[in-house]
Amino acid sequence: MPKEDETRDLERAEEYEQTIARATAIGKNKMELSTGLIIAARYADKLRRVALVAFSKMVPKDIIIRDISELNKQLYDVIVNQMKIDKLDVIRILVDAEYDEQNQKLVFSNVRIIRYLTEEQCSKKYEEVNKQLEEYKKKYEELSRQVEEFKEKIRQVEEALKALT
């Protein structure tokens, strides 16, 4: 990472520490990091800054930056390729991070990516689901009709068998 970006992130991290705490202590050397609501395109910067604020007093900055960079690469794959989130979609990332002093490494667990939808996106999804529900209702009615026809045929066959015996 270029030195200029590191300096900018460190300055912003100090600013965040003064104004907005986005990390919650959940144990010794363990924090829950939260990006807050952000557009997806900004998650990497925000997560790095939050980690810098949360761990700057106990973990060397180069370790924080190295390990958060690795996490951000993994998150990119999930956000872009698996979840198909657009860069302007609103998301929140929560992750538990623990500093392993012995291995001098941040260990991440319980990663949660929450995607927020606009009212328009919700309405569109609602219409799609309703349309699918109507199709299922039609299929159900057709299958119910066929079941009744089969029951009637079975009754007729049973009557014919009784008449033969």
N, C-alpha and C. Protein backbone atom coordinates (compact mmCIF):
# COMPACT_ATOMS: atom_id res chain seq x y z
N MET A 1 0.86 -1.17 0.00
CA MET A 1 0.00 0.00 0.00
C MET A 1 0.91 1.24 0.00
N PRO A 2 0.60 2.20 -0.81
CA PRO A 2 1.43 3.40 -0.86
C PRO A 2 1.43 4.13 0.49
N LYS A 3 2.53 4.76 0.80
CA LYS A 3 2.71 5.48 2.06
C LYS A 3 1.64 6.56 2.24
N GLU A 4 1.27 7.21 1.14
CA GLU A 4 0.26 8.28 1.18
C GLU A 4 -1.08 7.75 1.69
N ASP A 5 -1.50 6.58 1.20
CA ASP A 5 -2.76 5.98 1.65
C ASP A 5 -2.70 5.62 3.13
N GLU A 6 -1.56 5.08 3.56
CA GLU A 6 -1.39 4.72 4.98
C GLU A 6 -1.54 5.95 5.85
N THR A 7 -0.88 7.02 5.48
CA THR A 7 -0.94 8.26 6.25
C THR A 7 -2.36 8.78 6.32
N ARG A 8 -3.03 8.79 5.19
CA ARG A 8 -4.43 9.25 5.14
C ARG A 8 -5.30 8.39 6.03
N ASP A 9 -5.13 7.06 5.96
CA ASP A 9 -5.94 6.16 6.77
C ASP A 9 -5.67 6.35 8.26
N LEU A 10 -4.41 6.54 8.61
CA LEU A 10 -4.08 6.75 10.02
C LEU A 10 -4.69 8.05 10.53
N GLU A 11 -4.65 9.09 9.72
CA GLU A 11 -5.27 10.36 10.11
C GLU A 11 -6.77 10.21 10.29
N ARG A 12 -7.40 9.52 9.34
CA ARG A 12 -8.85 9.30 9.44
C ARG A 12 -9.18 8.40 10.62
N ALA A 13 -8.33 7.41 10.88
CA ALA A 13 -8.56 6.51 12.01
C ALA A 13 -8.55 7.29 13.31
N GLU A 14 -7.60 8.21 13.44
CA GLU A 14 -7.55 9.05 14.65
C GLU A 14 -8.80 9.91 14.74
N GLU A 15 -9.25 10.43 13.61
CA GLU A 15 -10.47 11.24 13.58
C GLU A 15 -11.67 10.39 13.99
N TYR A 16 -11.77 9.17 13.47
CA TYR A 16 -12.88 8.27 13.82
C TYR A 16 -12.87 7.95 15.31
N GLU A 17 -11.66 7.76 15.85
CA GLU A 17 -11.56 7.42 17.27
C GLU A 17 -12.16 8.53 18.12
N GLN A 18 -11.99 9.74 17.67
CA GLN A 18 -12.53 10.89 18.41
C GLN A 18 -14.04 11.02 18.24
N THR A 19 -14.56 10.66 17.07
CA THR A 19 -15.97 10.95 16.77
C THR A 19 -16.89 9.74 16.78
N ILE A 20 -16.47 8.63 16.18
CA ILE A 20 -17.37 7.50 16.00
C ILE A 20 -16.67 6.20 16.35
N ALA A 21 -17.11 5.56 17.40
CA ALA A 21 -16.53 4.25 17.73
C ALA A 21 -17.30 3.19 16.96
N ARG A 22 -16.61 2.43 16.12
CA ARG A 22 -17.23 1.37 15.32
C ARG A 22 -16.69 0.00 15.72
N ALA A 23 -16.09 -0.06 16.89
CA ALA A 23 -15.56 -1.33 17.36
C ALA A 23 -16.04 -1.54 18.80
N THR A 24 -16.38 -2.79 19.09
CA THR A 24 -16.85 -3.15 20.42
C THR A 24 -15.95 -4.25 20.97
N ALA A 25 -15.46 -4.04 22.18
CA ALA A 25 -14.62 -5.06 22.80
C ALA A 25 -15.49 -6.25 23.20
N ILE A 26 -15.04 -7.46 22.83
CA ILE A 26 -15.80 -8.67 23.19
C ILE A 26 -14.91 -9.70 23.89
N GLY A 27 -13.76 -9.27 24.31
CA GLY A 27 -12.84 -10.17 25.01
C GLY A 27 -11.44 -9.58 25.01
N LYS A 28 -10.52 -10.32 25.63
CA LYS A 28 -9.14 -9.85 25.63
C LYS A 28 -8.59 -9.91 24.22
N ASN A 29 -8.12 -8.77 23.74
CA ASN A 29 -7.57 -8.66 22.38
C ASN A 29 -8.58 -9.03 21.30
N LYS A 30 -9.87 -8.99 21.63
CA LYS A 30 -10.90 -9.35 20.65
C LYS A 30 -11.91 -8.23 20.54
N MET A 31 -12.21 -7.86 19.29
CA MET A 31 -13.14 -6.76 19.01
C MET A 31 -14.12 -7.16 17.92
N GLU A 32 -15.31 -6.58 17.99
CA GLU A 32 -16.23 -6.70 16.87
C GLU A 32 -16.09 -5.40 16.09
N LEU A 33 -15.71 -5.53 14.83
CA LEU A 33 -15.54 -4.37 13.95
C LEU A 33 -16.80 -4.19 13.12
N SER A 34 -17.20 -2.94 12.92
CA SER A 34 -18.38 -2.64 12.12
C SER A 34 -18.09 -1.46 11.21
N THR A 35 -18.45 -1.62 9.96
CA THR A 35 -18.24 -0.51 9.03
C THR A 35 -19.34 0.54 9.14
N GLY A 36 -20.46 0.19 9.76
CA GLY A 36 -21.61 1.07 9.71
C GLY A 36 -22.20 0.99 8.32
N LEU A 37 -23.20 1.79 8.04
CA LEU A 37 -23.82 1.78 6.71
C LEU A 37 -22.92 2.53 5.73
N ILE A 38 -22.53 1.84 4.66
CA ILE A 38 -21.64 2.42 3.65
C ILE A 38 -22.02 1.88 2.28
N ILE A 39 -21.60 2.59 1.24
CA ILE A 39 -21.76 2.00 -0.09
C ILE A 39 -20.68 0.94 -0.25
N ALA A 40 -20.99 -0.09 -0.99
CA ALA A 40 -20.10 -1.25 -1.10
C ALA A 40 -18.70 -0.87 -1.61
N ALA A 41 -18.61 0.13 -2.45
CA ALA A 41 -17.32 0.53 -3.01
C ALA A 41 -16.35 1.03 -1.95
N ARG A 42 -16.84 1.42 -0.78
CA ARG A 42 -15.98 2.01 0.25
C ARG A 42 -15.66 1.06 1.41
N TYR A 43 -16.09 -0.22 1.31
CA TYR A 43 -15.95 -1.11 2.46
C TYR A 43 -14.50 -1.30 2.90
N ALA A 44 -13.57 -1.42 1.94
CA ALA A 44 -12.18 -1.74 2.28
C ALA A 44 -11.54 -0.62 3.09
N ASP A 45 -11.72 0.62 2.64
CA ASP A 45 -11.16 1.75 3.39
C ASP A 45 -11.76 1.84 4.78
N LYS A 46 -13.07 1.70 4.85
CA LYS A 46 -13.75 1.83 6.14
C LYS A 46 -13.33 0.74 7.11
N LEU A 47 -13.25 -0.49 6.64
CA LEU A 47 -12.86 -1.60 7.50
C LEU A 47 -11.42 -1.43 8.00
N ARG A 48 -10.56 -0.97 7.12
CA ARG A 48 -9.16 -0.74 7.51
C ARG A 48 -9.08 0.35 8.58
N ARG A 49 -9.84 1.42 8.41
CA ARG A 49 -9.81 2.51 9.38
C ARG A 49 -10.39 2.08 10.73
N VAL A 50 -11.46 1.33 10.69
CA VAL A 50 -12.06 0.84 11.93
C VAL A 50 -11.08 -0.07 12.67
N ALA A 51 -10.40 -0.94 11.93
CA ALA A 51 -9.42 -1.83 12.55
C ALA A 51 -8.25 -1.04 13.13
N LEU A 52 -7.82 -0.02 12.42
CA LEU A 52 -6.73 0.81 12.93
C LEU A 52 -7.13 1.48 14.24
N VAL A 53 -8.35 1.97 14.31
CA VAL A 53 -8.82 2.60 15.54
C VAL A 53 -8.90 1.57 16.66
N ALA A 54 -9.48 0.40 16.35
CA ALA A 54 -9.73 -0.61 17.38
C ALA A 54 -8.45 -1.21 17.95
N PHE A 55 -7.48 -1.45 17.09
CA PHE A 55 -6.30 -2.20 17.52
C PHE A 55 -5.02 -1.37 17.63
N SER A 56 -5.06 -0.09 17.34
CA SER A 56 -3.83 0.71 17.26
C SER A 56 -3.03 0.74 18.56
N LYS A 57 -3.69 0.55 19.69
CA LYS A 57 -2.96 0.61 20.96
C LYS A 57 -2.34 -0.73 21.36
N MET A 58 -2.72 -1.82 20.68
CA MET A 58 -2.20 -3.14 21.08
C MET A 58 -1.51 -3.90 19.95
N VAL A 59 -1.69 -3.48 18.70
CA VAL A 59 -1.15 -4.21 17.56
C VAL A 59 -0.36 -3.24 16.67
N PRO A 60 0.83 -3.65 16.22
CA PRO A 60 1.57 -2.79 15.29
C PRO A 60 0.74 -2.49 14.03
N LYS A 61 0.81 -1.26 13.59
CA LYS A 61 0.00 -0.81 12.45
C LYS A 61 0.25 -1.62 11.18
N ASP A 62 1.52 -2.03 10.95
CA ASP A 62 1.81 -2.79 9.74
C ASP A 62 1.10 -4.16 9.76
N ILE A 63 0.93 -4.75 10.93
CA ILE A 63 0.21 -6.03 11.04
C ILE A 63 -1.27 -5.81 10.77
N ILE A 64 -1.81 -4.73 11.33
CA ILE A 64 -3.24 -4.42 11.09
C ILE A 64 -3.48 -4.26 9.60
N ILE A 65 -2.67 -3.46 8.95
CA ILE A 65 -2.86 -3.18 7.52
C ILE A 65 -2.68 -4.45 6.69
N ARG A 66 -1.67 -5.25 7.01
CA ARG A 66 -1.43 -6.50 6.28
C ARG A 66 -2.62 -7.45 6.39
N ASP A 67 -3.09 -7.67 7.61
CA ASP A 67 -4.15 -8.66 7.82
C ASP A 67 -5.51 -8.17 7.34
N ILE A 68 -5.78 -6.89 7.50
CA ILE A 68 -7.04 -6.34 6.98
C ILE A 68 -7.04 -6.39 5.45
N SER A 69 -5.89 -6.17 4.84
CA SER A 69 -5.80 -6.27 3.37
C SER A 69 -6.17 -7.67 2.90
N GLU A 70 -5.70 -8.68 3.61
CA GLU A 70 -6.05 -10.07 3.26
C GLU A 70 -7.55 -10.30 3.41
N LEU A 71 -8.11 -9.81 4.51
CA LEU A 71 -9.55 -9.95 4.73
C LEU A 71 -10.32 -9.23 3.62
N ASN A 72 -9.89 -8.05 3.26
CA ASN A 72 -10.58 -7.28 2.22
C ASN A 72 -10.57 -8.01 0.88
N LYS A 73 -9.49 -8.71 0.57
CA LYS A 73 -9.44 -9.50 -0.67
C LYS A 73 -10.49 -10.61 -0.64
N GLN A 74 -10.61 -11.27 0.50
CA GLN A 74 -11.61 -12.33 0.64
C GLN A 74 -13.03 -11.76 0.55
N LEU A 75 -13.23 -10.62 1.20
CA LEU A 75 -14.55 -9.99 1.18
C LEU A 75 -14.93 -9.55 -0.23
N TYR A 76 -13.95 -9.07 -0.99
CA TYR A 76 -14.23 -8.65 -2.36
C TYR A 76 -14.86 -9.79 -3.16
N ASP A 77 -14.27 -10.98 -3.05
CA ASP A 77 -14.80 -12.13 -3.76
C ASP A 77 -16.25 -12.41 -3.35
N VAL A 78 -16.50 -12.36 -2.06
CA VAL A 78 -17.86 -12.64 -1.57
C VAL A 78 -18.84 -11.56 -2.04
N ILE A 79 -18.47 -10.30 -1.87
CA ILE A 79 -19.37 -9.18 -2.18
C ILE A 79 -19.65 -9.09 -3.68
N VAL A 80 -18.62 -9.17 -4.49
CA VAL A 80 -18.78 -8.96 -5.93
C VAL A 80 -19.20 -10.24 -6.66
N ASN A 81 -18.51 -11.33 -6.41
CA ASN A 81 -18.75 -12.55 -7.19
C ASN A 81 -19.86 -13.44 -6.64
N GLN A 82 -19.97 -13.55 -5.33
CA GLN A 82 -20.97 -14.45 -4.77
C GLN A 82 -22.30 -13.74 -4.50
N MET A 83 -22.24 -12.59 -3.84
CA MET A 83 -23.48 -11.90 -3.49
C MET A 83 -23.98 -10.97 -4.60
N LYS A 84 -23.12 -10.71 -5.58
CA LYS A 84 -23.46 -9.84 -6.72
C LYS A 84 -23.95 -8.45 -6.27
N ILE A 85 -23.24 -7.89 -5.33
CA ILE A 85 -23.60 -6.57 -4.80
C ILE A 85 -22.96 -5.51 -5.68
N ASP A 86 -23.75 -4.53 -6.08
CA ASP A 86 -23.27 -3.42 -6.90
C ASP A 86 -22.46 -2.47 -6.02
N LYS A 87 -21.53 -1.76 -6.62
CA LYS A 87 -20.65 -0.89 -5.84
C LYS A 87 -21.39 0.26 -5.16
N LEU A 88 -22.60 0.59 -5.62
CA LEU A 88 -23.36 1.67 -4.99
C LEU A 88 -24.43 1.16 -4.02
N ASP A 89 -24.53 -0.16 -3.86
CA ASP A 89 -25.48 -0.71 -2.89
C ASP A 89 -24.99 -0.42 -1.48
N VAL A 90 -25.95 -0.26 -0.57
CA VAL A 90 -25.62 0.02 0.82
C VAL A 90 -25.45 -1.30 1.58
N ILE A 91 -24.34 -1.41 2.30
CA ILE A 91 -24.06 -2.62 3.07
C ILE A 91 -23.53 -2.23 4.46
N ARG A 92 -23.45 -3.22 5.32
CA ARG A 92 -22.78 -3.10 6.61
C ARG A 92 -21.98 -4.40 6.78
N ILE A 93 -20.75 -4.27 7.20
CA ILE A 93 -19.92 -5.44 7.45
C ILE A 93 -19.60 -5.48 8.94
N LEU A 94 -19.84 -6.63 9.54
CA LEU A 94 -19.49 -6.88 10.93
C LEU A 94 -18.55 -8.07 10.95
N VAL A 95 -17.49 -7.97 11.72
CA VAL A 95 -16.53 -9.07 11.79
C VAL A 95 -15.88 -9.07 13.18
N ASP A 96 -15.71 -10.26 13.72
CA ASP A 96 -14.99 -10.40 14.98
C ASP A 96 -13.51 -10.54 14.63
N ALA A 97 -12.67 -9.78 15.31
CA ALA A 97 -11.23 -9.82 15.06
C ALA A 97 -10.52 -9.99 16.40
N GLU A 98 -9.57 -10.90 16.40
CA GLU A 98 -8.81 -11.16 17.62
C GLU A 98 -7.33 -11.14 17.28
N TYR A 99 -6.57 -10.50 18.16
CA TYR A 99 -5.12 -10.44 17.94
C TYR A 99 -4.46 -11.64 18.60
N ASP A 100 -3.82 -12.44 17.78
CA ASP A 100 -3.05 -13.60 18.26
C ASP A 100 -1.62 -13.11 18.48
N GLU A 101 -1.30 -12.84 19.74
CA GLU A 101 0.02 -12.27 20.07
C GLU A 101 1.16 -13.22 19.71
N GLN A 102 0.94 -14.52 19.90
CA GLN A 102 1.99 -15.51 19.65
C GLN A 102 2.40 -15.52 18.18
N ASN A 103 1.40 -15.51 17.29
CA ASN A 103 1.69 -15.54 15.85
C ASN A 103 1.74 -14.14 15.23
N GLN A 104 1.52 -13.13 16.04
CA GLN A 104 1.48 -11.74 15.57
C GLN A 104 0.59 -11.61 14.34
N LYS A 105 -0.68 -11.92 14.55
CA LYS A 105 -1.62 -11.94 13.44
C LYS A 105 -3.02 -11.64 13.95
N LEU A 106 -3.79 -10.93 13.14
CA LEU A 106 -5.21 -10.74 13.44
C LEU A 106 -5.96 -11.93 12.87
N VAL A 107 -6.83 -12.51 13.68
CA VAL A 107 -7.62 -13.66 13.26
C VAL A 107 -9.07 -13.20 13.19
N PHE A 108 -9.70 -13.42 12.03
CA PHE A 108 -11.07 -12.96 11.80
C PHE A 108 -12.05 -14.12 11.85
N SER A 109 -13.21 -13.86 12.41
CA SER A 109 -14.26 -14.88 12.47
C SER A 109 -15.62 -14.19 12.43
N ASN A 110 -16.65 -15.00 12.24
CA ASN A 110 -18.03 -14.51 12.28
C ASN A 110 -18.23 -13.28 11.39
N VAL A 111 -17.84 -13.39 10.14
CA VAL A 111 -17.99 -12.28 9.19
C VAL A 111 -19.43 -12.23 8.71
N ARG A 112 -20.04 -11.06 8.85
CA ARG A 112 -21.42 -10.85 8.40
C ARG A 112 -21.47 -9.68 7.45
N ILE A 113 -22.05 -9.92 6.28
CA ILE A 113 -22.25 -8.85 5.30
C ILE A 113 -23.75 -8.66 5.18
N ILE A 114 -24.22 -7.50 5.55
CA ILE A 114 -25.65 -7.21 5.50
C ILE A 114 -25.90 -6.25 4.35
N ARG A 115 -26.79 -6.65 3.47
CA ARG A 115 -27.13 -5.84 2.30
C ARG A 115 -28.47 -5.16 2.55
N TYR A 116 -28.53 -3.86 2.30
CA TYR A 116 -29.76 -3.11 2.48
C TYR A 116 -30.34 -2.79 1.10
N LEU A 117 -31.63 -2.95 0.99
CA LEU A 117 -32.32 -2.71 -0.28
C LEU A 117 -33.11 -1.41 -0.22
N THR A 118 -33.24 -0.78 -1.38
CA THR A 118 -34.06 0.41 -1.47
C THR A 118 -35.53 0.00 -1.51
N GLU A 119 -36.40 0.95 -1.31
CA GLU A 119 -37.84 0.66 -1.38
C GLU A 119 -38.20 0.13 -2.77
N GLU A 120 -37.58 0.68 -3.79
CA GLU A 120 -37.84 0.24 -5.16
C GLU A 120 -37.42 -1.22 -5.35
N GLN A 121 -36.25 -1.58 -4.83
CA GLN A 121 -35.78 -2.96 -4.94
C GLN A 121 -36.71 -3.91 -4.19
N CYS A 122 -37.18 -3.48 -3.02
CA CYS A 122 -38.10 -4.30 -2.24
C CYS A 122 -39.42 -4.49 -2.97
N SER A 123 -39.93 -3.42 -3.57
CA SER A 123 -41.19 -3.51 -4.31
C SER A 123 -41.06 -4.45 -5.50
N LYS A 124 -39.96 -4.35 -6.20
CA LYS A 124 -39.72 -5.22 -7.36
C LYS A 124 -39.67 -6.68 -6.92
N LYS A 125 -38.95 -6.95 -5.84
CA LYS A 125 -38.84 -8.31 -5.32
C LYS A 125 -40.20 -8.81 -4.86
N TYR A 126 -40.98 -7.96 -4.23
CA TYR A 126 -42.32 -8.31 -3.78
C TYR A 126 -43.21 -8.71 -4.96
N GLU A 127 -43.13 -7.94 -6.04
CA GLU A 127 -43.91 -8.26 -7.24
C GLU A 127 -43.48 -9.61 -7.82
N GLU A 128 -42.18 -9.86 -7.87
CA GLU A 128 -41.67 -11.13 -8.39
C GLU A 128 -42.17 -12.30 -7.56
N VAL A 129 -42.12 -12.15 -6.25
CA VAL A 129 -42.57 -13.22 -5.35
C VAL A 129 -44.07 -13.44 -5.49
N ASN A 130 -44.84 -12.36 -5.60
CA ASN A 130 -46.29 -12.49 -5.79
C ASN A 130 -46.62 -13.20 -7.10
N LYS A 131 -45.89 -12.87 -8.14
CA LYS A 131 -46.10 -13.51 -9.44
C LYS A 131 -45.82 -15.01 -9.34
N GLN A 132 -44.74 -15.35 -8.68
CA GLN A 132 -44.37 -16.75 -8.48
C GLN A 132 -45.42 -17.46 -7.63
N LEU A 133 -45.94 -16.78 -6.63
CA LEU A 133 -46.98 -17.35 -5.78
C LEU A 133 -48.24 -17.67 -6.58
N GLU A 134 -48.61 -16.77 -7.48
CA GLU A 134 -49.78 -17.00 -8.33
C GLU A 134 -49.57 -18.24 -9.22
N GLU A 135 -48.36 -18.39 -9.75
CA GLU A 135 -48.05 -19.56 -10.57
C GLU A 135 -48.17 -20.84 -9.74
N TYR A 136 -47.67 -20.81 -8.53
CA TYR A 136 -47.77 -21.97 -7.64
C TYR A 136 -49.22 -22.29 -7.30
N LYS A 137 -50.03 -21.25 -7.11
CA LYS A 137 -51.45 -21.48 -6.82
C LYS A 137 -52.13 -22.18 -7.99
N LYS A 138 -51.81 -21.74 -9.21
CA LYS A 138 -52.39 -22.38 -10.40
C LYS A 138 -51.96 -23.84 -10.49
N LYS A 139 -50.67 -24.10 -10.25
CA LYS A 139 -50.17 -25.47 -10.29
C LYS A 139 -50.84 -26.31 -9.20
N TYR A 140 -51.03 -25.74 -8.02
CA TYR A 140 -51.68 -26.45 -6.93
C TYR A 140 -53.12 -26.80 -7.30
N GLU A 141 -53.83 -25.84 -7.86
CA GLU A 141 -55.21 -26.09 -8.26
C GLU A 141 -55.29 -27.19 -9.33
N GLU A 142 -54.36 -27.15 -10.28
CA GLU A 142 -54.32 -28.18 -11.33
C GLU A 142 -54.02 -29.55 -10.73
N LEU A 143 -53.05 -29.62 -9.85
CA LEU A 143 -52.72 -30.89 -9.21
C LEU A 143 -53.87 -31.39 -8.33
N SER A 144 -54.53 -30.49 -7.64
CA SER A 144 -55.68 -30.88 -6.81
C SER A 144 -56.79 -31.46 -7.69
N ARG A 145 -57.03 -30.83 -8.84
CA ARG A 145 -58.04 -31.34 -9.78
C ARG A 145 -57.67 -32.73 -10.26
N GLN A 146 -56.38 -32.93 -10.60
CA GLN A 146 -55.92 -34.24 -11.07
C GLN A 146 -56.06 -35.31 -9.98
N VAL A 147 -55.77 -34.94 -8.74
CA VAL A 147 -55.90 -35.87 -7.62
C VAL A 147 -57.36 -36.30 -7.49
N GLU A 148 -58.28 -35.35 -7.60
CA GLU A 148 -59.71 -35.67 -7.51
C GLU A 148 -60.14 -36.60 -8.66
N GLU A 149 -59.61 -36.35 -9.86
CA GLU A 149 -59.92 -37.22 -11.00
C GLU A 149 -59.40 -38.63 -10.74
N PHE A 150 -58.18 -38.75 -10.21
CA PHE A 150 -57.62 -40.07 -9.89
C PHE A 150 -58.44 -40.77 -8.82
N LYS A 151 -58.86 -40.04 -7.82
CA LYS A 151 -59.70 -40.63 -6.76
C LYS A 151 -60.99 -41.18 -7.36
N GLU A 152 -61.57 -40.40 -8.27
CA GLU A 152 -62.83 -40.85 -8.91
C GLU A 152 -62.57 -42.10 -9.74
N LYS A 153 -61.48 -42.15 -10.48
CA LYS A 153 -61.15 -43.34 -11.29
C LYS A 153 -60.89 -44.55 -10.39
N ILE A 154 -60.20 -44.34 -9.28
CA ILE A 154 -59.95 -45.43 -8.33
C ILE A 154 -61.26 -45.95 -7.78
N ARG A 155 -62.18 -45.06 -7.43
CA ARG A 155 -63.50 -45.44 -6.91
C ARG A 155 -64.25 -46.27 -7.96
N GLN A 156 -64.16 -45.83 -9.22
CA GLN A 156 -64.84 -46.56 -10.30
C GLN A 156 -64.24 -47.95 -10.48
N VAL A 157 -62.90 -48.05 -10.42
CA VAL A 157 -62.24 -49.35 -10.57
C VAL A 157 -62.62 -50.26 -9.41
N GLU A 158 -62.64 -49.70 -8.17
CA GLU A 158 -63.03 -50.50 -7.01
C GLU A 158 -64.46 -51.04 -7.18
N GLU A 159 -65.35 -50.20 -7.66
CA GLU A 159 -66.75 -50.62 -7.87
C GLU A 159 -66.82 -51.71 -8.94
N ALA A 160 -66.01 -51.53 -10.00
CA ALA A 160 -66.00 -52.55 -11.06
C ALA A 160 -65.45 -53.85 -10.53
N LEU A 161 -64.44 -53.83 -9.69
CA LEU A 161 -63.89 -55.05 -9.09
C LEU A 161 -64.90 -55.73 -8.15
N LYS A 162 -65.66 -54.94 -7.40
CA LYS A 162 -66.69 -55.50 -6.51
C LYS A 162 -67.77 -56.17 -7.34
N ALA A 163 -68.09 -55.54 -8.47
CA ALA A 163 -69.15 -56.11 -9.31
C ALA A 163 -68.69 -57.43 -9.91
N LEU A 164 -67.41 -57.62 -10.18
CA LEU A 164 -66.89 -58.85 -10.75
C LEU A 164 -66.78 -59.95 -9.71
N THR A 165 -66.68 -59.62 -8.45
CA THR A 165 -66.52 -60.68 -7.44
C THR A 165 -67.80 -61.03 -6.75
